[in-house]
Amino acid sequence: MPKTISKSKLKANMLRIFREIEASGEELIVTDHNRPVLVVKPIKRRRNVDELFAPYRGKMKILEEDINSPTTDDWEVLK
């Protein structure tokens, strides 16, 4: 469950709270008279292709066939 903070407490401690959000990656709900009005969350850093597929490197096998060839015959067998 995300943390909540009132607008007045956020205003008094904004820089410290923003640094905490950046470090933790967690979102914060800002309230006004105990009613949620805003969500503050860090922007996720975009990962490049190498970072994105790193967990799968060496775990997949590429078959020696033309990946552009039609697969209609394969689907017919499954009917």
N, C-alpha and C. Protein backbone atom coordinates (compact mmCIF):
# COMPACT_ATOMS: atom_id res chain seq x y z
N MET A 1 0.85 -1.18 0.00
CA MET A 1 0.00 0.00 0.00
C MET A 1 0.89 1.24 0.00
N PRO A 2 0.62 2.18 -0.90
CA PRO A 2 1.44 3.40 -0.98
C PRO A 2 1.29 4.26 0.28
N LYS A 3 2.35 4.98 0.58
CA LYS A 3 2.32 5.91 1.71
C LYS A 3 1.46 7.12 1.34
N THR A 4 0.94 7.79 2.36
CA THR A 4 0.18 9.02 2.13
C THR A 4 0.80 10.14 2.96
N ILE A 5 0.58 11.36 2.48
CA ILE A 5 1.07 12.55 3.18
C ILE A 5 0.13 13.71 2.87
N SER A 6 -0.05 14.58 3.82
CA SER A 6 -0.90 15.75 3.59
C SER A 6 -0.14 16.79 2.77
N LYS A 7 -0.89 17.66 2.12
CA LYS A 7 -0.25 18.72 1.32
C LYS A 7 0.68 19.58 2.16
N SER A 8 0.25 19.91 3.38
CA SER A 8 1.06 20.79 4.23
C SER A 8 2.38 20.12 4.63
N LYS A 9 2.35 18.82 4.97
CA LYS A 9 3.59 18.12 5.32
C LYS A 9 4.49 17.97 4.10
N LEU A 10 3.90 17.74 2.94
CA LEU A 10 4.68 17.64 1.71
C LEU A 10 5.40 18.95 1.44
N LYS A 11 4.68 20.06 1.58
CA LYS A 11 5.26 21.37 1.31
C LYS A 11 6.45 21.65 2.23
N ALA A 12 6.33 21.27 3.48
CA ALA A 12 7.39 21.55 4.46
C ALA A 12 8.62 20.67 4.25
N ASN A 13 8.45 19.49 3.63
CA ASN A 13 9.55 18.53 3.52
C ASN A 13 9.75 18.03 2.09
N MET A 14 9.38 18.83 1.11
CA MET A 14 9.30 18.37 -0.27
C MET A 14 10.62 17.81 -0.81
N LEU A 15 11.72 18.49 -0.65
CA LEU A 15 12.99 18.03 -1.21
C LEU A 15 13.39 16.68 -0.62
N ARG A 16 13.29 16.55 0.69
CA ARG A 16 13.64 15.29 1.35
C ARG A 16 12.72 14.16 0.88
N ILE A 17 11.44 14.44 0.78
CA ILE A 17 10.47 13.42 0.35
C ILE A 17 10.71 13.03 -1.10
N PHE A 18 10.99 13.98 -1.96
CA PHE A 18 11.28 13.65 -3.36
C PHE A 18 12.51 12.77 -3.47
N ARG A 19 13.54 13.06 -2.68
CA ARG A 19 14.74 12.22 -2.71
C ARG A 19 14.43 10.80 -2.25
N GLU A 20 13.56 10.66 -1.23
CA GLU A 20 13.16 9.33 -0.76
C GLU A 20 12.42 8.56 -1.85
N ILE A 21 11.53 9.24 -2.55
CA ILE A 21 10.77 8.61 -3.63
C ILE A 21 11.71 8.16 -4.74
N GLU A 22 12.66 9.00 -5.11
CA GLU A 22 13.63 8.63 -6.14
C GLU A 22 14.44 7.39 -5.72
N ALA A 23 14.84 7.34 -4.47
CA ALA A 23 15.66 6.23 -3.98
C ALA A 23 14.86 4.93 -3.85
N SER A 24 13.63 5.03 -3.36
CA SER A 24 12.84 3.82 -3.09
C SER A 24 12.08 3.34 -4.32
N GLY A 25 11.72 4.26 -5.21
CA GLY A 25 10.92 3.89 -6.37
C GLY A 25 9.44 3.74 -6.05
N GLU A 26 9.06 4.01 -4.83
CA GLU A 26 7.66 3.88 -4.41
C GLU A 26 6.88 5.15 -4.70
N GLU A 27 5.58 5.00 -4.85
CA GLU A 27 4.75 6.18 -5.09
C GLU A 27 4.21 6.71 -3.77
N LEU A 28 3.78 7.96 -3.81
CA LEU A 28 3.27 8.65 -2.63
C LEU A 28 1.94 9.29 -2.99
N ILE A 29 0.94 9.12 -2.14
CA ILE A 29 -0.37 9.74 -2.36
C ILE A 29 -0.46 10.99 -1.48
N VAL A 30 -0.77 12.10 -2.11
CA VAL A 30 -0.90 13.38 -1.40
C VAL A 30 -2.38 13.60 -1.11
N THR A 31 -2.66 13.99 0.14
CA THR A 31 -4.06 14.18 0.55
C THR A 31 -4.34 15.64 0.87
N ASP A 32 -5.60 16.00 0.75
CA ASP A 32 -6.10 17.32 1.14
C ASP A 32 -7.33 17.07 1.99
N HIS A 33 -7.23 17.35 3.26
CA HIS A 33 -8.29 17.05 4.23
C HIS A 33 -8.67 15.57 4.18
N ASN A 34 -7.65 14.72 4.22
CA ASN A 34 -7.77 13.26 4.21
C ASN A 34 -8.38 12.69 2.93
N ARG A 35 -8.44 13.48 1.88
CA ARG A 35 -8.95 13.00 0.59
C ARG A 35 -7.79 12.95 -0.39
N PRO A 36 -7.55 11.79 -1.03
CA PRO A 36 -6.44 11.71 -1.99
C PRO A 36 -6.66 12.63 -3.18
N VAL A 37 -5.63 13.41 -3.50
CA VAL A 37 -5.75 14.35 -4.62
C VAL A 37 -4.64 14.22 -5.66
N LEU A 38 -3.48 13.68 -5.26
CA LEU A 38 -2.35 13.56 -6.17
C LEU A 38 -1.59 12.26 -5.92
N VAL A 39 -0.92 11.80 -6.95
CA VAL A 39 0.01 10.68 -6.81
C VAL A 39 1.36 11.16 -7.31
N VAL A 40 2.38 10.99 -6.49
CA VAL A 40 3.74 11.36 -6.87
C VAL A 40 4.51 10.05 -7.00
N LYS A 41 5.09 9.82 -8.18
CA LYS A 41 5.87 8.60 -8.38
C LYS A 41 7.03 8.90 -9.31
N PRO A 42 8.11 8.15 -9.15
CA PRO A 42 9.28 8.40 -10.00
C PRO A 42 9.02 7.92 -11.43
N ILE A 43 9.69 8.55 -12.37
CA ILE A 43 9.61 8.13 -13.76
C ILE A 43 10.57 6.97 -13.94
N LYS A 44 10.08 5.89 -14.53
CA LYS A 44 10.93 4.73 -14.75
C LYS A 44 11.92 5.03 -15.87
N ARG A 45 13.15 4.63 -15.61
CA ARG A 45 14.21 4.83 -16.60
C ARG A 45 14.01 3.84 -17.74
N ARG A 46 14.14 4.34 -18.95
CA ARG A 46 14.01 3.46 -20.12
C ARG A 46 15.26 2.61 -20.23
N ARG A 47 15.05 1.31 -20.47
CA ARG A 47 16.18 0.40 -20.61
C ARG A 47 16.44 0.15 -22.08
N ASN A 48 17.72 -0.04 -22.42
CA ASN A 48 18.05 -0.35 -23.80
C ASN A 48 17.82 -1.84 -24.05
N VAL A 49 17.96 -2.27 -25.28
CA VAL A 49 17.66 -3.65 -25.67
C VAL A 49 18.54 -4.64 -24.91
N ASP A 50 19.82 -4.33 -24.76
CA ASP A 50 20.73 -5.24 -24.04
C ASP A 50 20.29 -5.45 -22.60
N GLU A 51 19.88 -4.38 -21.92
CA GLU A 51 19.43 -4.49 -20.54
C GLU A 51 18.11 -5.25 -20.45
N LEU A 52 17.24 -5.00 -21.40
CA LEU A 52 15.91 -5.61 -21.38
C LEU A 52 15.97 -7.12 -21.56
N PHE A 53 16.83 -7.60 -22.46
CA PHE A 53 16.90 -9.03 -22.76
C PHE A 53 18.03 -9.76 -22.04
N ALA A 54 18.77 -9.09 -21.18
CA ALA A 54 19.89 -9.70 -20.47
C ALA A 54 19.51 -10.98 -19.71
N PRO A 55 18.36 -11.04 -19.03
CA PRO A 55 18.03 -12.28 -18.30
C PRO A 55 17.83 -13.49 -19.20
N TYR A 56 17.59 -13.28 -20.48
CA TYR A 56 17.31 -14.38 -21.40
C TYR A 56 18.52 -14.78 -22.24
N ARG A 57 19.60 -14.01 -22.13
CA ARG A 57 20.80 -14.29 -22.93
C ARG A 57 21.34 -15.68 -22.60
N GLY A 58 21.56 -16.49 -23.62
CA GLY A 58 22.09 -17.84 -23.43
C GLY A 58 21.05 -18.88 -23.07
N LYS A 59 19.79 -18.47 -22.93
CA LYS A 59 18.74 -19.40 -22.54
C LYS A 59 17.81 -19.75 -23.70
N MET A 60 18.01 -19.15 -24.84
CA MET A 60 17.14 -19.38 -25.99
C MET A 60 17.95 -19.99 -27.12
N LYS A 61 17.28 -20.75 -27.95
CA LYS A 61 17.94 -21.39 -29.07
C LYS A 61 17.22 -20.98 -30.35
N ILE A 62 18.00 -20.54 -31.32
CA ILE A 62 17.45 -20.15 -32.60
C ILE A 62 17.53 -21.35 -33.53
N LEU A 63 16.39 -21.80 -34.03
CA LEU A 63 16.36 -22.93 -34.94
C LEU A 63 16.81 -22.49 -36.32
N GLU A 64 17.44 -23.37 -37.02
CA GLU A 64 17.96 -23.06 -38.36
C GLU A 64 16.85 -23.19 -39.39
N GLU A 65 15.92 -22.30 -39.35
CA GLU A 65 14.88 -22.25 -40.37
C GLU A 65 14.58 -20.80 -40.68
N ASP A 66 13.95 -20.60 -41.80
CA ASP A 66 13.63 -19.24 -42.24
C ASP A 66 12.50 -18.68 -41.38
N ILE A 67 12.79 -17.65 -40.60
CA ILE A 67 11.75 -17.09 -39.73
C ILE A 67 10.69 -16.34 -40.51
N ASN A 68 10.93 -16.08 -41.77
CA ASN A 68 9.95 -15.38 -42.60
C ASN A 68 9.04 -16.34 -43.38
N SER A 69 9.27 -17.64 -43.25
CA SER A 69 8.44 -18.60 -43.99
C SER A 69 7.06 -18.70 -43.35
N PRO A 70 6.03 -18.96 -44.14
CA PRO A 70 4.68 -19.05 -43.60
C PRO A 70 4.53 -20.25 -42.65
N THR A 71 3.66 -20.10 -41.68
CA THR A 71 3.44 -21.17 -40.70
C THR A 71 2.05 -21.78 -40.84
N THR A 72 1.40 -21.57 -41.96
CA THR A 72 0.02 -22.07 -42.13
C THR A 72 -0.05 -23.57 -42.00
N ASP A 73 0.96 -24.31 -42.48
CA ASP A 73 0.95 -25.76 -42.35
C ASP A 73 1.00 -26.18 -40.89
N ASP A 74 1.80 -25.50 -40.10
CA ASP A 74 1.89 -25.82 -38.67
C ASP A 74 0.54 -25.62 -37.99
N TRP A 75 -0.18 -24.60 -38.37
CA TRP A 75 -1.48 -24.32 -37.74
C TRP A 75 -2.54 -25.32 -38.19
N GLU A 76 -2.44 -25.78 -39.38
CA GLU A 76 -3.42 -26.77 -39.89
C GLU A 76 -3.34 -28.06 -39.07
N VAL A 77 -2.15 -28.45 -38.64
CA VAL A 77 -1.97 -29.67 -37.86
C VAL A 77 -2.68 -29.55 -36.51
N LEU A 78 -2.73 -28.35 -35.97
CA LEU A 78 -3.33 -28.13 -34.65
C LEU A 78 -4.85 -28.10 -34.66
N LYS A 79 -5.46 -28.02 -35.82
CA LYS A 79 -6.94 -27.96 -35.87
C LYS A 79 -7.58 -29.26 -35.48
